[in-house]
Amino acid sequence: GIVLAVLVGLSETAEFSGFVFLLVSMLAMAGIYTVFYGFKSKGEYLSNMQDVAGIAESKPYIAAAMLMFMTSLLGFPPLLGFVGMLIVLDDLVSVHQYGIILAVMLGILMMASAYLRVIKVMYFDEKQRSFDRVDRGIYMILLTDVVIIVALLVSPKELLGAIAAMLRL
């Protein structure tokens, strides 16, 4: 929705900011989906929110990765999602789309309330299940995703330059 809202401007900067936001969101979503592959109990993947209650107690790294990816999707600094959100909002302000900015902010608030419920369940609710051991592959993929996000966060100029070069082709 945010990418479509940005593309309303039909300009080169709108295309650039939409692509940056989409790339950053895809990195965070890939991490969230990988985290869900780590949520297993008795060989069964967990999909209910109450099934993952208290997982931070037994799987702190998985829960911390989930927290990082969700807050990145919300656009909180200093995470990479902030760069994507900042570029989108900057583009919307430059074309005076204040109504769309308001809609984007309301959407982020709704996402924040849902993510806070997930965080509450993972960190503060009582553990109801025993969780299976997480495969090493899950940790390797999560580590790769986190390293990519941190590297791009440390040097966003490289990310933005590479995206600009790709869009010029």
N, C-alpha and C. Protein backbone atom coordinates (compact mmCIF):
# COMPACT_ATOMS: atom_id res chain seq x y z
N GLY A 1 0.80 -1.18 0.00
CA GLY A 1 0.00 0.00 0.00
C GLY A 1 0.86 1.26 0.00
N ILE A 2 1.91 1.25 0.78
CA ILE A 2 2.78 2.43 0.86
C ILE A 2 3.48 2.65 -0.47
N VAL A 3 3.90 1.59 -1.12
CA VAL A 3 4.58 1.73 -2.41
C VAL A 3 3.62 2.30 -3.44
N LEU A 4 2.38 1.84 -3.45
CA LEU A 4 1.39 2.38 -4.38
C LEU A 4 1.10 3.84 -4.07
N ALA A 5 1.06 4.19 -2.79
CA ALA A 5 0.81 5.59 -2.42
C ALA A 5 1.93 6.49 -2.91
N VAL A 6 3.14 6.00 -2.90
CA VAL A 6 4.28 6.79 -3.37
C VAL A 6 4.26 6.91 -4.88
N LEU A 7 3.89 5.84 -5.55
CA LEU A 7 3.92 5.83 -7.01
C LEU A 7 2.83 6.70 -7.63
N VAL A 8 1.93 7.22 -6.83
CA VAL A 8 0.90 8.13 -7.33
C VAL A 8 1.55 9.35 -7.98
N GLY A 9 2.69 9.76 -7.46
CA GLY A 9 3.40 10.92 -8.00
C GLY A 9 3.92 10.73 -9.41
N LEU A 10 4.09 9.49 -9.86
CA LEU A 10 4.57 9.17 -11.20
C LEU A 10 5.81 9.95 -11.60
N SER A 11 6.76 10.00 -10.71
CA SER A 11 8.01 10.69 -11.02
C SER A 11 9.17 9.72 -10.82
N GLU A 12 10.35 10.15 -11.24
CA GLU A 12 11.53 9.31 -11.07
C GLU A 12 11.87 9.14 -9.59
N THR A 13 11.68 10.18 -8.80
CA THR A 13 11.94 10.07 -7.36
C THR A 13 10.94 9.16 -6.69
N ALA A 14 9.69 9.16 -7.18
CA ALA A 14 8.68 8.27 -6.62
C ALA A 14 9.04 6.82 -6.90
N GLU A 15 9.52 6.54 -8.09
CA GLU A 15 9.95 5.20 -8.44
C GLU A 15 11.12 4.76 -7.55
N PHE A 16 12.06 5.65 -7.35
CA PHE A 16 13.23 5.36 -6.52
C PHE A 16 12.82 5.09 -5.08
N SER A 17 12.02 5.97 -4.48
CA SER A 17 11.64 5.80 -3.08
C SER A 17 10.77 4.56 -2.89
N GLY A 18 9.89 4.28 -3.85
CA GLY A 18 9.08 3.07 -3.75
C GLY A 18 9.92 1.82 -3.81
N PHE A 19 10.94 1.82 -4.67
CA PHE A 19 11.81 0.65 -4.79
C PHE A 19 12.64 0.46 -3.53
N VAL A 20 13.15 1.54 -2.97
CA VAL A 20 13.94 1.45 -1.73
C VAL A 20 13.07 0.88 -0.61
N PHE A 21 11.86 1.43 -0.47
CA PHE A 21 10.97 0.95 0.59
C PHE A 21 10.62 -0.52 0.38
N LEU A 22 10.35 -0.90 -0.86
CA LEU A 22 10.01 -2.29 -1.16
C LEU A 22 11.17 -3.23 -0.84
N LEU A 23 12.39 -2.84 -1.18
CA LEU A 23 13.56 -3.67 -0.90
C LEU A 23 13.77 -3.84 0.60
N VAL A 24 13.67 -2.74 1.33
CA VAL A 24 13.86 -2.79 2.78
C VAL A 24 12.77 -3.64 3.43
N SER A 25 11.54 -3.49 2.98
CA SER A 25 10.44 -4.28 3.52
C SER A 25 10.60 -5.75 3.21
N MET A 26 11.09 -6.06 2.01
CA MET A 26 11.30 -7.46 1.65
C MET A 26 12.36 -8.11 2.52
N LEU A 27 13.42 -7.38 2.85
CA LEU A 27 14.45 -7.92 3.74
C LEU A 27 13.86 -8.23 5.11
N ALA A 28 13.06 -7.32 5.65
CA ALA A 28 12.45 -7.53 6.96
C ALA A 28 11.43 -8.68 6.91
N MET A 29 10.62 -8.72 5.86
CA MET A 29 9.62 -9.79 5.76
C MET A 29 10.29 -11.16 5.58
N ALA A 30 11.40 -11.21 4.85
CA ALA A 30 12.13 -12.47 4.71
C ALA A 30 12.60 -12.95 6.07
N GLY A 31 13.05 -12.00 6.91
CA GLY A 31 13.46 -12.37 8.27
C GLY A 31 12.30 -12.87 9.10
N ILE A 32 11.14 -12.22 8.98
CA ILE A 32 9.97 -12.65 9.76
C ILE A 32 9.53 -14.06 9.33
N TYR A 33 9.50 -14.32 8.03
CA TYR A 33 9.12 -15.65 7.57
C TYR A 33 10.13 -16.70 8.02
N THR A 34 11.40 -16.35 8.04
CA THR A 34 12.41 -17.28 8.51
C THR A 34 12.22 -17.57 10.00
N VAL A 35 11.88 -16.54 10.76
CA VAL A 35 11.62 -16.73 12.19
C VAL A 35 10.48 -17.72 12.38
N PHE A 36 9.44 -17.60 11.57
CA PHE A 36 8.31 -18.52 11.72
C PHE A 36 8.70 -19.96 11.41
N TYR A 37 9.71 -20.16 10.56
CA TYR A 37 10.20 -21.52 10.36
C TYR A 37 10.91 -22.05 11.60
N GLY A 38 11.34 -21.17 12.47
CA GLY A 38 11.97 -21.59 13.71
C GLY A 38 10.99 -21.88 14.82
N PHE A 39 9.73 -21.51 14.64
CA PHE A 39 8.69 -21.77 15.65
C PHE A 39 8.07 -23.14 15.40
N LYS A 40 8.60 -24.15 16.10
CA LYS A 40 8.09 -25.52 15.97
C LYS A 40 7.88 -26.11 17.34
N SER A 41 6.86 -26.93 17.44
CA SER A 41 6.61 -27.69 18.65
C SER A 41 6.15 -29.08 18.23
N LYS A 42 6.87 -30.09 18.68
CA LYS A 42 6.59 -31.49 18.35
C LYS A 42 6.53 -31.71 16.84
N GLY A 43 7.46 -31.06 16.13
CA GLY A 43 7.55 -31.23 14.69
C GLY A 43 6.52 -30.46 13.89
N GLU A 44 5.68 -29.72 14.55
CA GLU A 44 4.60 -28.97 13.88
C GLU A 44 4.92 -27.47 13.93
N TYR A 45 4.77 -26.83 12.78
CA TYR A 45 5.00 -25.39 12.73
C TYR A 45 3.86 -24.67 13.45
N LEU A 46 4.23 -23.65 14.21
CA LEU A 46 3.24 -22.91 14.99
C LEU A 46 2.79 -21.68 14.22
N SER A 47 1.49 -21.49 14.14
CA SER A 47 0.97 -20.34 13.39
C SER A 47 0.03 -19.49 14.23
N ASN A 48 -0.48 -20.02 15.33
CA ASN A 48 -1.34 -19.25 16.22
C ASN A 48 -0.50 -18.36 17.13
N MET A 49 -1.02 -17.20 17.44
CA MET A 49 -0.26 -16.29 18.29
C MET A 49 -0.08 -16.88 19.69
N GLN A 50 -1.09 -17.53 20.22
CA GLN A 50 -0.96 -18.10 21.56
C GLN A 50 -0.01 -19.28 21.61
N ASP A 51 0.24 -19.90 20.46
CA ASP A 51 1.19 -21.02 20.42
C ASP A 51 2.63 -20.57 20.70
N VAL A 52 2.95 -19.32 20.40
CA VAL A 52 4.30 -18.83 20.60
C VAL A 52 4.46 -18.06 21.91
N ALA A 53 3.50 -18.19 22.78
CA ALA A 53 3.56 -17.50 24.08
C ALA A 53 4.81 -17.93 24.83
N GLY A 54 5.56 -16.97 25.30
CA GLY A 54 6.74 -17.23 26.11
C GLY A 54 7.94 -17.77 25.36
N ILE A 55 7.94 -17.65 24.05
CA ILE A 55 9.06 -18.22 23.27
C ILE A 55 10.36 -17.48 23.55
N ALA A 56 10.30 -16.25 23.99
CA ALA A 56 11.52 -15.50 24.28
C ALA A 56 12.31 -16.12 25.42
N GLU A 57 11.62 -16.86 26.27
CA GLU A 57 12.29 -17.52 27.39
C GLU A 57 13.18 -18.65 26.92
N SER A 58 12.71 -19.43 25.95
CA SER A 58 13.50 -20.58 25.51
C SER A 58 14.26 -20.34 24.21
N LYS A 59 13.82 -19.40 23.40
CA LYS A 59 14.49 -19.08 22.13
C LYS A 59 14.72 -17.57 22.04
N PRO A 60 15.63 -17.03 22.88
CA PRO A 60 15.80 -15.57 22.93
C PRO A 60 16.33 -14.96 21.64
N TYR A 61 17.17 -15.69 20.90
CA TYR A 61 17.72 -15.14 19.66
C TYR A 61 16.66 -15.04 18.58
N ILE A 62 15.83 -16.05 18.51
CA ILE A 62 14.74 -16.04 17.52
C ILE A 62 13.76 -14.91 17.85
N ALA A 63 13.42 -14.77 19.13
CA ALA A 63 12.49 -13.71 19.54
C ALA A 63 13.10 -12.32 19.30
N ALA A 64 14.38 -12.18 19.55
CA ALA A 64 15.05 -10.89 19.31
C ALA A 64 15.08 -10.56 17.82
N ALA A 65 15.30 -11.56 16.99
CA ALA A 65 15.29 -11.33 15.54
C ALA A 65 13.89 -10.90 15.09
N MET A 66 12.88 -11.55 15.63
CA MET A 66 11.50 -11.18 15.28
C MET A 66 11.22 -9.74 15.70
N LEU A 67 11.66 -9.37 16.88
CA LEU A 67 11.47 -8.00 17.37
C LEU A 67 12.18 -7.00 16.46
N MET A 68 13.39 -7.31 16.05
CA MET A 68 14.14 -6.41 15.18
C MET A 68 13.45 -6.26 13.82
N PHE A 69 13.00 -7.35 13.25
CA PHE A 69 12.37 -7.28 11.94
C PHE A 69 11.04 -6.52 12.00
N MET A 70 10.27 -6.75 13.05
CA MET A 70 8.98 -6.05 13.16
C MET A 70 9.17 -4.56 13.37
N THR A 71 10.12 -4.17 14.21
CA THR A 71 10.34 -2.74 14.42
C THR A 71 10.96 -2.09 13.19
N SER A 72 11.70 -2.85 12.40
CA SER A 72 12.22 -2.31 11.15
C SER A 72 11.07 -2.05 10.17
N LEU A 73 10.10 -2.95 10.12
CA LEU A 73 8.95 -2.73 9.25
C LEU A 73 8.15 -1.50 9.66
N LEU A 74 8.17 -1.17 10.93
CA LEU A 74 7.46 0.02 11.39
C LEU A 74 8.23 1.30 11.09
N GLY A 75 9.49 1.18 10.74
CA GLY A 75 10.28 2.35 10.39
C GLY A 75 10.91 3.04 11.58
N PHE A 76 11.21 2.29 12.62
CA PHE A 76 11.85 2.88 13.80
C PHE A 76 13.35 3.04 13.57
N PRO A 77 13.89 4.18 13.96
CA PRO A 77 15.35 4.31 13.90
C PRO A 77 15.96 3.48 15.01
N PRO A 78 17.11 2.99 14.92
CA PRO A 78 18.12 3.11 13.88
C PRO A 78 18.08 1.97 12.87
N LEU A 79 16.97 1.28 12.76
CA LEU A 79 16.90 0.12 11.87
C LEU A 79 16.74 0.54 10.41
N LEU A 80 16.97 -0.38 9.51
CA LEU A 80 16.97 -0.08 8.08
C LEU A 80 15.60 0.36 7.59
N GLY A 81 14.54 -0.11 8.21
CA GLY A 81 13.20 0.32 7.82
C GLY A 81 13.01 1.82 7.95
N PHE A 82 13.76 2.43 8.84
CA PHE A 82 13.70 3.89 9.00
C PHE A 82 14.18 4.59 7.73
N VAL A 83 15.22 4.06 7.11
CA VAL A 83 15.73 4.66 5.87
C VAL A 83 14.66 4.60 4.79
N GLY A 84 14.03 3.44 4.65
CA GLY A 84 12.98 3.29 3.65
C GLY A 84 11.80 4.20 3.91
N MET A 85 11.36 4.26 5.18
CA MET A 85 10.23 5.12 5.53
C MET A 85 10.58 6.59 5.35
N LEU A 86 11.79 6.96 5.70
CA LEU A 86 12.22 8.35 5.56
C LEU A 86 12.22 8.79 4.09
N ILE A 87 12.71 7.94 3.22
CA ILE A 87 12.74 8.26 1.79
C ILE A 87 11.32 8.38 1.24
N VAL A 88 10.43 7.49 1.66
CA VAL A 88 9.04 7.55 1.22
C VAL A 88 8.37 8.83 1.69
N LEU A 89 8.52 9.14 2.97
CA LEU A 89 7.87 10.34 3.51
C LEU A 89 8.48 11.60 2.90
N ASP A 90 9.77 11.60 2.65
CA ASP A 90 10.40 12.75 2.01
C ASP A 90 9.84 12.97 0.61
N ASP A 91 9.65 11.88 -0.13
CA ASP A 91 9.09 12.01 -1.47
C ASP A 91 7.64 12.50 -1.41
N LEU A 92 6.86 12.01 -0.47
CA LEU A 92 5.46 12.45 -0.36
C LEU A 92 5.37 13.91 0.06
N VAL A 93 6.26 14.35 0.91
CA VAL A 93 6.26 15.76 1.32
C VAL A 93 6.66 16.65 0.14
N SER A 94 7.61 16.18 -0.66
CA SER A 94 8.08 17.01 -1.78
C SER A 94 7.00 17.23 -2.84
N VAL A 95 6.02 16.31 -2.92
CA VAL A 95 4.93 16.49 -3.89
C VAL A 95 3.63 16.92 -3.20
N HIS A 96 3.74 17.31 -1.95
CA HIS A 96 2.61 17.85 -1.17
C HIS A 96 1.43 16.89 -1.06
N GLN A 97 1.70 15.63 -0.82
CA GLN A 97 0.66 14.61 -0.64
C GLN A 97 0.40 14.37 0.85
N TYR A 98 -0.11 15.38 1.54
CA TYR A 98 -0.27 15.30 2.98
C TYR A 98 -1.36 14.32 3.39
N GLY A 99 -2.38 14.17 2.58
CA GLY A 99 -3.43 13.19 2.88
C GLY A 99 -2.90 11.77 2.85
N ILE A 100 -2.04 11.49 1.88
CA ILE A 100 -1.44 10.16 1.78
C ILE A 100 -0.49 9.93 2.95
N ILE A 101 0.23 10.99 3.35
CA ILE A 101 1.12 10.87 4.51
C ILE A 101 0.31 10.51 5.76
N LEU A 102 -0.83 11.14 5.93
CA LEU A 102 -1.69 10.83 7.07
C LEU A 102 -2.17 9.39 7.01
N ALA A 103 -2.56 8.93 5.82
CA ALA A 103 -3.01 7.54 5.67
C ALA A 103 -1.87 6.57 5.98
N VAL A 104 -0.66 6.89 5.54
CA VAL A 104 0.49 6.04 5.81
C VAL A 104 0.75 5.97 7.32
N MET A 105 0.69 7.11 7.98
CA MET A 105 0.93 7.15 9.43
C MET A 105 -0.15 6.36 10.20
N LEU A 106 -1.39 6.46 9.77
CA LEU A 106 -2.46 5.68 10.41
C LEU A 106 -2.24 4.19 10.20
N GLY A 107 -1.80 3.81 9.00
CA GLY A 107 -1.49 2.40 8.74
C GLY A 107 -0.35 1.90 9.62
N ILE A 108 0.65 2.74 9.80
CA ILE A 108 1.78 2.35 10.67
C ILE A 108 1.31 2.19 12.11
N LEU A 109 0.42 3.06 12.56
CA LEU A 109 -0.11 2.92 13.93
C LEU A 109 -0.88 1.62 14.09
N MET A 110 -1.66 1.25 13.09
CA MET A 110 -2.39 -0.02 13.18
C MET A 110 -1.43 -1.21 13.19
N MET A 111 -0.39 -1.14 12.35
CA MET A 111 0.62 -2.20 12.36
C MET A 111 1.32 -2.26 13.71
N ALA A 112 1.60 -1.10 14.30
CA ALA A 112 2.29 -1.06 15.59
C ALA A 112 1.46 -1.74 16.67
N SER A 113 0.15 -1.53 16.66
CA SER A 113 -0.68 -2.17 17.69
C SER A 113 -0.68 -3.68 17.51
N ALA A 114 -0.71 -4.16 16.27
CA ALA A 114 -0.65 -5.61 16.05
C ALA A 114 0.71 -6.17 16.45
N TYR A 115 1.78 -5.47 16.11
CA TYR A 115 3.12 -5.95 16.46
C TYR A 115 3.34 -5.93 17.97
N LEU A 116 2.78 -4.94 18.65
CA LEU A 116 2.90 -4.90 20.11
C LEU A 116 2.20 -6.10 20.75
N ARG A 117 1.09 -6.53 20.19
CA ARG A 117 0.41 -7.72 20.71
C ARG A 117 1.30 -8.96 20.53
N VAL A 118 1.94 -9.07 19.38
CA VAL A 118 2.84 -10.21 19.14
C VAL A 118 4.01 -10.16 20.12
N ILE A 119 4.58 -8.99 20.32
CA ILE A 119 5.71 -8.85 21.25
C ILE A 119 5.28 -9.19 22.67
N LYS A 120 4.10 -8.75 23.07
CA LYS A 120 3.58 -9.07 24.40
C LYS A 120 3.46 -10.57 24.58
N VAL A 121 2.91 -11.25 23.58
CA VAL A 121 2.74 -12.70 23.68
C VAL A 121 4.09 -13.39 23.75
N MET A 122 5.03 -12.98 22.91
CA MET A 122 6.34 -13.64 22.87
C MET A 122 7.15 -13.41 24.14
N TYR A 123 7.08 -12.22 24.70
CA TYR A 123 7.96 -11.87 25.80
C TYR A 123 7.31 -11.93 27.18
N PHE A 124 6.02 -11.68 27.29
CA PHE A 124 5.42 -11.51 28.61
C PHE A 124 4.38 -12.55 28.98
N ASP A 125 3.83 -13.28 28.04
CA ASP A 125 2.84 -14.31 28.38
C ASP A 125 3.54 -15.57 28.85
N GLU A 126 2.78 -16.37 29.59
CA GLU A 126 3.31 -17.64 30.10
C GLU A 126 3.52 -18.63 28.97
N LYS A 127 4.62 -19.34 29.07
CA LYS A 127 4.94 -20.38 28.09
C LYS A 127 3.94 -21.52 28.22
N GLN A 128 3.33 -21.92 27.11
CA GLN A 128 2.33 -22.98 27.14
C GLN A 128 2.79 -24.26 26.46
N ARG A 129 3.84 -24.19 25.70
CA ARG A 129 4.33 -25.34 24.95
C ARG A 129 5.83 -25.50 25.14
N SER A 130 6.29 -26.66 24.80
CA SER A 130 7.74 -26.84 24.70
C SER A 130 8.07 -26.68 23.22
N PHE A 131 9.18 -26.05 22.94
CA PHE A 131 9.54 -25.75 21.56
C PHE A 131 10.68 -26.64 21.11
N ASP A 132 10.61 -27.05 19.85
CA ASP A 132 11.65 -27.90 19.28
C ASP A 132 12.94 -27.10 19.10
N ARG A 133 14.01 -27.84 18.99
CA ARG A 133 15.29 -27.21 18.71
C ARG A 133 15.25 -26.62 17.30
N VAL A 134 15.79 -25.43 17.17
CA VAL A 134 15.79 -24.73 15.88
C VAL A 134 16.96 -25.23 15.04
N ASP A 135 16.69 -25.50 13.77
CA ASP A 135 17.72 -25.98 12.86
C ASP A 135 18.81 -24.93 12.69
N ARG A 136 20.01 -25.40 12.44
CA ARG A 136 21.13 -24.47 12.22
C ARG A 136 20.91 -23.62 10.98
N GLY A 137 20.24 -24.18 10.00
CA GLY A 137 19.97 -23.43 8.77
C GLY A 137 19.15 -22.18 9.03
N ILE A 138 18.21 -22.27 9.96
CA ILE A 138 17.39 -21.11 10.32
C ILE A 138 18.29 -20.03 10.90
N TYR A 139 19.17 -20.43 11.81
CA TYR A 139 20.08 -19.44 12.41
C TYR A 139 21.01 -18.85 11.36
N MET A 140 21.46 -19.65 10.42
CA MET A 140 22.36 -19.15 9.38
C MET A 140 21.64 -18.14 8.48
N ILE A 141 20.41 -18.44 8.10
CA ILE A 141 19.65 -17.51 7.26
C ILE A 141 19.35 -16.24 8.02
N LEU A 142 18.96 -16.36 9.30
CA LEU A 142 18.70 -15.17 10.10
C LEU A 142 19.95 -14.33 10.26
N LEU A 143 21.07 -14.98 10.50
CA LEU A 143 22.33 -14.25 10.64
C LEU A 143 22.68 -13.53 9.34
N THR A 144 22.48 -14.19 8.21
CA THR A 144 22.75 -13.55 6.92
C THR A 144 21.86 -12.34 6.71
N ASP A 145 20.57 -12.49 7.02
CA ASP A 145 19.63 -11.37 6.87
C ASP A 145 20.00 -10.21 7.79
N VAL A 146 20.36 -10.51 9.02
CA VAL A 146 20.74 -9.47 9.97
C VAL A 146 22.02 -8.78 9.51
N VAL A 147 22.99 -9.54 9.01
CA VAL A 147 24.24 -8.95 8.54
C VAL A 147 23.98 -8.03 7.34
N ILE A 148 23.12 -8.45 6.43
CA ILE A 148 22.78 -7.60 5.28
C ILE A 148 22.12 -6.32 5.75
N ILE A 149 21.18 -6.44 6.68
CA ILE A 149 20.48 -5.26 7.18
C ILE A 149 21.44 -4.32 7.91
N VAL A 150 22.32 -4.88 8.74
CA VAL A 150 23.27 -4.04 9.46
C VAL A 150 24.26 -3.38 8.51
N ALA A 151 24.73 -4.13 7.52
CA ALA A 151 25.68 -3.57 6.54
C ALA A 151 25.03 -2.43 5.76
N LEU A 152 23.79 -2.61 5.37
CA LEU A 152 23.09 -1.55 4.64
C LEU A 152 22.76 -0.38 5.55
N LEU A 153 22.55 -0.66 6.81
CA LEU A 153 22.27 0.40 7.77
C LEU A 153 23.51 1.24 8.03
N VAL A 154 24.65 0.58 8.12
CA VAL A 154 25.91 1.29 8.37
C VAL A 154 26.27 2.15 7.16
N SER A 155 25.96 1.66 5.97
CA SER A 155 26.32 2.39 4.76
C SER A 155 25.11 2.47 3.82
N PRO A 156 24.09 3.25 4.18
CA PRO A 156 22.92 3.34 3.30
C PRO A 156 23.22 4.01 1.97
N LYS A 157 24.30 4.78 1.91
CA LYS A 157 24.69 5.43 0.66
C LYS A 157 24.96 4.39 -0.42
N GLU A 158 25.58 3.28 -0.03
CA GLU A 158 25.85 2.20 -0.98
C GLU A 158 24.56 1.60 -1.50
N LEU A 159 23.60 1.38 -0.62
CA LEU A 159 22.30 0.84 -1.00
C LEU A 159 21.60 1.78 -1.96
N LEU A 160 21.54 3.04 -1.60
CA LEU A 160 20.83 4.01 -2.43
C LEU A 160 21.52 4.20 -3.78
N GLY A 161 22.85 4.20 -3.79
CA GLY A 161 23.57 4.31 -5.04
C GLY A 161 23.34 3.11 -5.95
N ALA A 162 23.33 1.92 -5.36
CA ALA A 162 23.09 0.71 -6.16
C ALA A 162 21.68 0.69 -6.73
N ILE A 163 20.72 1.13 -5.94
CA ILE A 163 19.33 1.15 -6.43
C ILE A 163 19.19 2.18 -7.54
N ALA A 164 19.79 3.34 -7.35
CA ALA A 164 19.73 4.38 -8.40
C ALA A 164 20.36 3.87 -9.70
N ALA A 165 21.47 3.17 -9.60
CA ALA A 165 22.12 2.62 -10.78
C ALA A 165 21.25 1.57 -11.45
N MET A 166 20.59 0.73 -10.67
CA MET A 166 19.71 -0.29 -11.24
C MET A 166 18.53 0.34 -11.96
N LEU A 167 17.96 1.38 -11.41
CA LEU A 167 16.79 2.00 -12.01
C LEU A 167 17.13 2.79 -13.27
N ARG A 168 18.38 3.20 -13.42
CA ARG A 168 18.80 3.92 -14.62
C ARG A 168 18.96 3.00 -15.82
N LEU A 169 19.16 1.70 -15.57
CA LEU A 169 19.38 0.76 -16.67
C LEU A 169 18.19 0.60 -17.50
